[in-house]
Amino acid sequence: MNRTILIGHPPIEVHLHRSTRAKRYSLRVSNADGRIRLTMPLRASERAAVDFAKRQEGWMRSALAKRPDRTVPAFGGEILFEGRSVTLQPATGRRVELMGDAIHIPGQPDAIAARLRGFLKVTARERLADVTHHHAGQIGREVTRITLRDTRSRWGSCTQDGNLMFSWRLVMAPPEVLKYVAVHEVAHLVEMNHSPSFWRVVEDLMPEYQAPRSWLKQHGSVLHSYQI
């Protein structure tokens, strides 16, 4: 059962989802679009789920209010790149280039988002490839393939056969944050879980991982606020 309920006035859309792994009710607000998902145990009653959502209405409204405003990239505007604000400037060349504290983008204003997205993807792939292959080599593992996506609910993933997936938006975060996510997924090449053994692998590869992990939890929604 997957359906939508409305809570409160003005109404909040809550998307119900049954899960065989869920042992309790849980709410999640998407960083990308503010979509609210209520995951519930397989045999739980829908009425109980609605009651739970009603009790959490205050929390949901607070979480939605804290989401950053959506930003449409425009010449003269700013975006985050590797953790710092850079200005988007028009250019006459053929390619998008980072020069100092500005990203220079050729073409018409209506092409800014597409050209910027391409630049960020290429840069993200370069950064992530360097970090993942380096740390995979440290633990005697190989990365089969790196895929970039604009994911809503996760920053990265790892398959049993060594395929790693990352959000290209990580290139907008500080380099240590991108490195943490890369290390996190590389560690899954050893432990396909989040057990203490897994976190020991992460710590061995990046002893200072707690700070960038916290940054991502606190500020990750900002990376999704750009309409790119």
C-alpha atoms as a PDB file:
ATOM      1  CA  MET A   1       0.000   0.000   0.000  1.00  0.00           C
ATOM      2  CA  ASN A   2       1.346   3.350  -1.066  1.00  0.00           C
ATOM      3  CA  ARG A   3      -1.022   6.291  -0.901  1.00  0.00           C
ATOM      4  CA  THR A   4      -1.203   9.921   0.174  1.00  0.00           C
ATOM      5  CA  ILE A   5      -3.007  11.387   3.172  1.00  0.00           C
ATOM      6  CA  LEU A   6      -3.577  15.027   4.129  1.00  0.00           C
ATOM      7  CA  ILE A   7      -2.769  16.288   7.616  1.00  0.00           C
ATOM      8  CA  GLY A   8      -3.808  19.615   9.194  1.00  0.00           C
ATOM      9  CA  HIS A   9      -4.768  23.012   7.790  1.00  0.00           C
ATOM     10  CA  PRO A  10      -3.334  24.077   5.475  1.00  0.00           C
ATOM     11  CA  PRO A  11      -2.935  20.413   4.545  1.00  0.00           C
ATOM     12  CA  ILE A  12       0.402  18.641   4.479  1.00  0.00           C
ATOM     13  CA  GLU A  13       0.755  15.762   2.013  1.00  0.00           C
ATOM     14  CA  VAL A  14       2.136  12.639   3.671  1.00  0.00           C
ATOM     15  CA  HIS A  15       2.977   9.625   1.522  1.00  0.00           C
ATOM     16  CA  LEU A  16       2.402   6.294   3.257  1.00  0.00           C
ATOM     17  CA  HIS A  17       4.710   3.402   2.510  1.00  0.00           C
ATOM     18  CA  ARG A  18       4.596  -0.105   3.981  1.00  0.00           C
ATOM     19  CA  SER A  19       7.915  -1.862   4.503  1.00  0.00           C
ATOM     20  CA  THR A  20       8.712  -5.439   5.442  1.00  0.00           C
ATOM     21  CA  ARG A  21      11.773  -4.162   7.336  1.00  0.00           C
ATOM     22  CA  ALA A  22      10.064  -1.393   9.301  1.00  0.00           C
ATOM     23  CA  LYS A  23       9.488  -2.117  12.982  1.00  0.00           C
ATOM     24  CA  ARG A  24       8.021   1.275  13.839  1.00  0.00           C
ATOM     25  CA  TYR A  25       6.641   4.392  12.189  1.00  0.00           C
ATOM     26  CA  SER A  26       9.183   6.836  10.791  1.00  0.00           C
ATOM     27  CA  LEU A  27       8.922  10.150   8.959  1.00  0.00           C
ATOM     28  CA  ARG A  28      11.370  11.519   6.423  1.00  0.00           C
ATOM     29  CA  VAL A  29      11.373  14.864   4.642  1.00  0.00           C
ATOM     30  CA  SER A  30      13.087  14.746   1.243  1.00  0.00           C
ATOM     31  CA  ASN A  31      15.999  17.140   0.864  1.00  0.00           C
ATOM     32  CA  ALA A  32      15.200  17.530  -2.809  1.00  0.00           C
ATOM     33  CA  ASP A  33      11.532  18.473  -2.915  1.00  0.00           C
ATOM     34  CA  GLY A  34      10.158  18.477   0.628  1.00  0.00           C
ATOM     35  CA  ARG A  35       8.129  15.327   0.009  1.00  0.00           C
ATOM     36  CA  ILE A  36       7.150  13.701   3.312  1.00  0.00           C
ATOM     37  CA  ARG A  37       7.231   9.908   3.531  1.00  0.00           C
ATOM     38  CA  LEU A  38       5.809   7.930   6.433  1.00  0.00           C
ATOM     39  CA  THR A  39       7.196   4.409   6.520  1.00  0.00           C
ATOM     40  CA  MET A  40       5.133   1.915   8.489  1.00  0.00           C
ATOM     41  CA  PRO A  41       5.375  -1.784   9.447  1.00  0.00           C
ATOM     42  CA  LEU A  42       3.781  -4.183   6.997  1.00  0.00           C
ATOM     43  CA  ARG A  43       0.909  -5.169   9.302  1.00  0.00           C
ATOM     44  CA  ALA A  44       0.312  -1.776  10.915  1.00  0.00           C
ATOM     45  CA  SER A  45      -3.119  -0.210  10.507  1.00  0.00           C
ATOM     46  CA  GLU A  46      -3.590   2.829   8.325  1.00  0.00           C
ATOM     47  CA  ARG A  47      -5.650   4.493  11.046  1.00  0.00           C
ATOM     48  CA  ALA A  48      -2.734   4.172  13.454  1.00  0.00           C
ATOM     49  CA  ALA A  49      -0.450   5.677  10.793  1.00  0.00           C
ATOM     50  CA  VAL A  50      -2.783   8.650  10.376  1.00  0.00           C
ATOM     51  CA  ASP A  51      -2.895   9.157  14.146  1.00  0.00           C
ATOM     52  CA  PHE A  52       0.912   9.055  14.259  1.00  0.00           C
ATOM     53  CA  ALA A  53       1.148  11.641  11.471  1.00  0.00           C
ATOM     54  CA  LYS A  54      -1.307  13.916  13.265  1.00  0.00           C
ATOM     55  CA  ARG A  55       0.777  13.786  16.435  1.00  0.00           C
ATOM     56  CA  GLN A  56       3.847  14.731  14.384  1.00  0.00           C
ATOM     57  CA  GLU A  57       2.212  17.628  12.547  1.00  0.00           C
ATOM     58  CA  GLY A  58       4.206  20.223  14.490  1.00  0.00           C
ATOM     59  CA  TRP A  59       7.475  18.468  13.706  1.00  0.00           C
ATOM     60  CA  MET A  60       6.590  18.215  10.008  1.00  0.00           C
ATOM     61  CA  ARG A  61       5.721  21.911   9.735  1.00  0.00           C
ATOM     62  CA  SER A  62       8.924  22.837  11.530  1.00  0.00           C
ATOM     63  CA  ALA A  63      11.014  20.613   9.224  1.00  0.00           C
ATOM     64  CA  LEU A  64       9.384  22.101   6.125  1.00  0.00           C
ATOM     65  CA  ALA A  65       9.904  25.646   7.396  1.00  0.00           C
ATOM     66  CA  LYS A  66      13.628  24.988   7.857  1.00  0.00           C
ATOM     67  CA  ARG A  67      14.127  23.875   4.266  1.00  0.00           C
ATOM     68  CA  PRO A  68      16.169  26.421   2.286  1.00  0.00           C
ATOM     69  CA  ASP A  69      14.469  28.362  -0.480  1.00  0.00           C
ATOM     70  CA  ARG A  70      14.857  27.002  -3.990  1.00  0.00           C
ATOM     71  CA  THR A  71      17.467  28.935  -5.981  1.00  0.00           C
ATOM     72  CA  VAL A  72      17.402  29.318  -9.755  1.00  0.00           C
ATOM     73  CA  PRO A  73      20.936  29.913 -11.100  1.00  0.00           C
ATOM     74  CA  ALA A  74      21.346  33.245 -12.889  1.00  0.00           C
ATOM     75  CA  PHE A  75      24.195  35.468 -13.982  1.00  0.00           C
ATOM     76  CA  GLY A  76      25.305  37.524 -10.997  1.00  0.00           C
ATOM     77  CA  GLY A  77      23.910  34.949  -8.589  1.00  0.00           C
ATOM     78  CA  GLU A  78      25.890  32.562  -6.411  1.00  0.00           C
ATOM     79  CA  ILE A  79      26.070  28.840  -5.788  1.00  0.00           C
ATOM     80  CA  LEU A  80      28.175  26.642  -3.548  1.00  0.00           C
ATOM     81  CA  PHE A  81      31.194  24.988  -5.102  1.00  0.00           C
ATOM     82  CA  GLU A  82      33.489  22.873  -2.942  1.00  0.00           C
ATOM     83  CA  GLY A  83      32.047  24.537   0.144  1.00  0.00           C
ATOM     84  CA  ARG A  84      32.479  28.165  -0.891  1.00  0.00           C
ATOM     85  CA  SER A  85      30.210  30.679  -2.591  1.00  0.00           C
ATOM     86  CA  VAL A  86      31.117  31.428  -6.187  1.00  0.00           C
ATOM     87  CA  THR A  87      29.485  33.888  -8.579  1.00  0.00           C
ATOM     88  CA  LEU A  88      28.029  32.872 -11.930  1.00  0.00           C
ATOM     89  CA  GLN A  89      29.429  35.088 -14.670  1.00  0.00           C
ATOM     90  CA  PRO A  90      28.706  35.250 -18.425  1.00  0.00           C
ATOM     91  CA  ALA A  91      31.543  34.245 -20.724  1.00  0.00           C
ATOM     92  CA  THR A  92      32.367  34.353 -24.414  1.00  0.00           C
ATOM     93  CA  GLY A  93      34.384  31.145 -24.587  1.00  0.00           C
ATOM     94  CA  ARG A  94      33.259  27.649 -25.483  1.00  0.00           C
ATOM     95  CA  ARG A  95      33.360  25.940 -22.122  1.00  0.00           C
ATOM     96  CA  VAL A  96      32.419  26.515 -18.512  1.00  0.00           C
ATOM     97  CA  GLU A  97      35.437  27.424 -16.392  1.00  0.00           C
ATOM     98  CA  LEU A  98      36.154  28.141 -12.750  1.00  0.00           C
ATOM     99  CA  MET A  99      38.349  31.221 -12.373  1.00  0.00           C
ATOM    100  CA  GLY A 100      38.982  32.479  -8.863  1.00  0.00           C
ATOM    101  CA  ASP A 101      35.677  32.972  -7.099  1.00  0.00           C
ATOM    102  CA  ALA A 102      33.549  32.796 -10.237  1.00  0.00           C
ATOM    103  CA  ILE A 103      32.248  30.175 -12.632  1.00  0.00           C
ATOM    104  CA  HIS A 104      32.237  31.593 -16.160  1.00  0.00           C
ATOM    105  CA  ILE A 105      29.433  30.212 -18.313  1.00  0.00           C
ATOM    106  CA  PRO A 106      29.125  30.855 -22.060  1.00  0.00           C
ATOM    107  CA  GLY A 107      25.792  31.034 -23.850  1.00  0.00           C
ATOM    108  CA  GLN A 108      22.403  32.525 -23.228  1.00  0.00           C
ATOM    109  CA  PRO A 109      20.844  32.918 -19.753  1.00  0.00           C
ATOM    110  CA  ASP A 110      18.313  30.148 -20.433  1.00  0.00           C
ATOM    111  CA  ALA A 111      21.212  27.676 -20.825  1.00  0.00           C
ATOM    112  CA  ILE A 112      22.854  28.446 -17.479  1.00  0.00           C
ATOM    113  CA  ALA A 113      21.358  25.526 -15.541  1.00  0.00           C
ATOM    114  CA  ALA A 114      22.195  22.888 -18.159  1.00  0.00           C
ATOM    115  CA  ARG A 115      25.762  24.118 -18.698  1.00  0.00           C
ATOM    116  CA  LEU A 116      26.372  24.486 -14.981  1.00  0.00           C
ATOM    117  CA  ARG A 117      25.030  21.013 -14.316  1.00  0.00           C
ATOM    118  CA  GLY A 118      27.374  19.560 -16.920  1.00  0.00           C
ATOM    119  CA  PHE A 119      30.359  21.330 -15.366  1.00  0.00           C
ATOM    120  CA  LEU A 120      29.467  20.131 -11.868  1.00  0.00           C
ATOM    121  CA  LYS A 121      29.013  16.539 -13.033  1.00  0.00           C
ATOM    122  CA  VAL A 122      32.371  16.436 -14.806  1.00  0.00           C
ATOM    123  CA  THR A 123      34.139  17.940 -11.798  1.00  0.00           C
ATOM    124  CA  ALA A 124      32.343  15.647  -9.359  1.00  0.00           C
ATOM    125  CA  ARG A 125      33.340  12.573 -11.365  1.00  0.00           C
ATOM    126  CA  GLU A 126      37.001  13.638 -11.369  1.00  0.00           C
ATOM    127  CA  ARG A 127      37.047  14.272  -7.622  1.00  0.00           C
ATOM    128  CA  LEU A 128      35.151  11.099  -6.725  1.00  0.00           C
ATOM    129  CA  ALA A 129      37.211   8.901  -9.040  1.00  0.00           C
ATOM    130  CA  ASP A 130      40.452  10.099  -7.455  1.00  0.00           C
ATOM    131  CA  VAL A 131      39.245   9.597  -3.883  1.00  0.00           C
ATOM    132  CA  THR A 132      37.483   6.262  -4.347  1.00  0.00           C
ATOM    133  CA  HIS A 133      40.273   4.562  -6.282  1.00  0.00           C
ATOM    134  CA  HIS A 134      42.863   5.835  -3.803  1.00  0.00           C
ATOM    135  CA  HIS A 135      41.061   4.546  -0.736  1.00  0.00           C
ATOM    136  CA  ALA A 136      39.901   1.326  -2.381  1.00  0.00           C
ATOM    137  CA  GLY A 137      43.560   0.592  -3.074  1.00  0.00           C
ATOM    138  CA  GLN A 138      44.367   1.155   0.601  1.00  0.00           C
ATOM    139  CA  ILE A 139      42.079  -1.711   1.608  1.00  0.00           C
ATOM    140  CA  GLY A 140      42.903  -3.978  -1.322  1.00  0.00           C
ATOM    141  CA  ARG A 141      39.597  -3.562  -3.145  1.00  0.00           C
ATOM    142  CA  GLU A 142      38.671  -2.410  -6.631  1.00  0.00           C
ATOM    143  CA  VAL A 143      35.961  -0.044  -7.803  1.00  0.00           C
ATOM    144  CA  THR A 144      34.215  -1.502 -10.851  1.00  0.00           C
ATOM    145  CA  ARG A 145      32.262   1.539 -11.939  1.00  0.00           C
ATOM    146  CA  ILE A 146      31.273   5.005 -10.729  1.00  0.00           C
ATOM    147  CA  THR A 147      27.822   6.347 -11.590  1.00  0.00           C
ATOM    148  CA  LEU A 148      26.569   9.857 -10.909  1.00  0.00           C
ATOM    149  CA  ARG A 149      22.903  10.667 -10.283  1.00  0.00           C
ATOM    150  CA  ASP A 150      20.793  13.423  -8.795  1.00  0.00           C
ATOM    151  CA  THR A 151      19.411  11.291  -5.977  1.00  0.00           C
ATOM    152  CA  ARG A 152      16.834  12.502  -3.464  1.00  0.00           C
ATOM    153  CA  SER A 153      17.313  10.245  -0.475  1.00  0.00           C
ATOM    154  CA  ARG A 154      20.957   9.150  -0.470  1.00  0.00           C
ATOM    155  CA  TRP A 155      24.348  10.597  -1.246  1.00  0.00           C
ATOM    156  CA  GLY A 156      25.911   7.341  -2.334  1.00  0.00           C
ATOM    157  CA  SER A 157      25.497   3.593  -2.608  1.00  0.00           C
ATOM    158  CA  CYS A 158      27.584   0.485  -3.218  1.00  0.00           C
ATOM    159  CA  THR A 159      26.736  -2.866  -4.810  1.00  0.00           C
ATOM    160  CA  GLN A 160      28.248  -6.264  -4.104  1.00  0.00           C
ATOM    161  CA  ASP A 161      30.144  -6.203  -7.397  1.00  0.00           C
ATOM    162  CA  GLY A 162      31.889  -2.904  -6.693  1.00  0.00           C
ATOM    163  CA  ASN A 163      29.665  -0.431  -8.494  1.00  0.00           C
ATOM    164  CA  LEU A 164      29.504   2.893  -6.649  1.00  0.00           C
ATOM    165  CA  MET A 165      26.833   5.546  -7.130  1.00  0.00           C
ATOM    166  CA  PHE A 166      27.125   9.140  -5.927  1.00  0.00           C
ATOM    167  CA  SER A 167      25.130  12.345  -6.073  1.00  0.00           C
ATOM    168  CA  TRP A 168      26.990  14.816  -8.290  1.00  0.00           C
ATOM    169  CA  ARG A 169      25.799  17.569  -5.921  1.00  0.00           C
ATOM    170  CA  LEU A 170      28.531  16.490  -3.500  1.00  0.00           C
ATOM    171  CA  VAL A 171      30.963  18.656  -5.469  1.00  0.00           C
ATOM    172  CA  MET A 172      29.154  21.680  -4.044  1.00  0.00           C
ATOM    173  CA  ALA A 173      29.993  20.577  -0.481  1.00  0.00           C
ATOM    174  CA  PRO A 174      33.371  21.077   1.196  1.00  0.00           C
ATOM    175  CA  PRO A 175      35.982  18.613  -0.157  1.00  0.00           C
ATOM    176  CA  GLU A 176      36.071  16.788   3.191  1.00  0.00           C
ATOM    177  CA  VAL A 177      32.357  16.025   2.835  1.00  0.00           C
ATOM    178  CA  LEU A 178      32.789  14.576  -0.652  1.00  0.00           C
ATOM    179  CA  LYS A 179      35.721  12.557   0.673  1.00  0.00           C
ATOM    180  CA  TYR A 180      33.639  11.238   3.583  1.00  0.00           C
ATOM    181  CA  VAL A 181      30.856   9.981   1.318  1.00  0.00           C
ATOM    182  CA  ALA A 182      33.406   8.369  -0.996  1.00  0.00           C
ATOM    183  CA  VAL A 183      35.135   6.682   1.960  1.00  0.00           C
ATOM    184  CA  HIS A 184      31.766   5.573   3.319  1.00  0.00           C
ATOM    185  CA  GLU A 185      30.909   3.771   0.089  1.00  0.00           C
ATOM    186  CA  VAL A 186      34.405   2.337  -0.342  1.00  0.00           C
ATOM    187  CA  ALA A 187      34.100   0.864   3.159  1.00  0.00           C
ATOM    188  CA  HIS A 188      31.041  -1.024   1.934  1.00  0.00           C
ATOM    189  CA  LEU A 189      33.355  -2.946  -0.383  1.00  0.00           C
ATOM    190  CA  VAL A 190      34.503  -4.646   2.827  1.00  0.00           C
ATOM    191  CA  GLU A 191      31.345  -4.548   4.948  1.00  0.00           C
ATOM    192  CA  MET A 192      27.945  -4.377   3.231  1.00  0.00           C
ATOM    193  CA  ASN A 193      26.267  -3.116   6.389  1.00  0.00           C
ATOM    194  CA  HIS A 194      26.592  -0.429   9.049  1.00  0.00           C
ATOM    195  CA  SER A 195      27.996  -2.635  11.763  1.00  0.00           C
ATOM    196  CA  PRO A 196      30.783  -1.597  14.164  1.00  0.00           C
ATOM    197  CA  SER A 197      33.182  -3.369  11.803  1.00  0.00           C
ATOM    198  CA  PHE A 198      32.036  -1.131   8.966  1.00  0.00           C
ATOM    199  CA  TRP A 199      32.604   2.039  10.964  1.00  0.00           C
ATOM    200  CA  ARG A 200      36.071   0.821  11.936  1.00  0.00           C
ATOM    201  CA  VAL A 201      36.926   0.600   8.238  1.00  0.00           C
ATOM    202  CA  VAL A 202      35.616   4.145   7.739  1.00  0.00           C
ATOM    203  CA  GLU A 203      37.655   5.415  10.686  1.00  0.00           C
ATOM    204  CA  ASP A 204      40.800   3.662   9.487  1.00  0.00           C
ATOM    205  CA  LEU A 205      40.455   5.375   6.105  1.00  0.00           C
ATOM    206  CA  MET A 206      39.346   8.749   7.470  1.00  0.00           C
ATOM    207  CA  PRO A 207      39.850   9.221  11.228  1.00  0.00           C
ATOM    208  CA  GLU A 208      38.253  12.691  11.089  1.00  0.00           C
ATOM    209  CA  TYR A 209      35.032  11.506   9.384  1.00  0.00           C
ATOM    210  CA  GLN A 210      32.639  12.680  12.126  1.00  0.00           C
ATOM    211  CA  ALA A 211      32.851  16.397  11.288  1.00  0.00           C
ATOM    212  CA  PRO A 212      32.008  16.080   7.559  1.00  0.00           C
ATOM    213  CA  ARG A 213      29.311  13.537   8.390  1.00  0.00           C
ATOM    214  CA  SER A 214      27.710  16.088  10.724  1.00  0.00           C
ATOM    215  CA  TRP A 215      28.020  18.820   8.085  1.00  0.00           C
ATOM    216  CA  LEU A 216      26.101  16.703   5.600  1.00  0.00           C
ATOM    217  CA  LYS A 217      23.314  16.015   8.075  1.00  0.00           C
ATOM    218  CA  GLN A 218      22.988  19.686   8.972  1.00  0.00           C
ATOM    219  CA  HIS A 219      23.529  21.330   5.590  1.00  0.00           C
ATOM    220  CA  GLY A 220      22.871  18.683   2.972  1.00  0.00           C
ATOM    221  CA  SER A 221      19.477  20.164   2.106  1.00  0.00           C
ATOM    222  CA  VAL A 222      21.239  23.320   0.874  1.00  0.00           C
ATOM    223  CA  LEU A 223      22.850  21.311  -1.932  1.00  0.00           C
ATOM    224  CA  HIS A 224      19.389  20.300  -3.127  1.00  0.00           C
ATOM    225  CA  SER A 225      18.059  23.855  -3.018  1.00  0.00           C
ATOM    226  CA  TYR A 226      19.637  24.772  -6.350  1.00  0.00           C
ATOM    227  CA  GLN A 227      17.413  24.132  -9.368  1.00  0.00           C
ATOM    228  CA  ILE A 228      20.136  22.767 -11.560  1.00  0.00           C
END
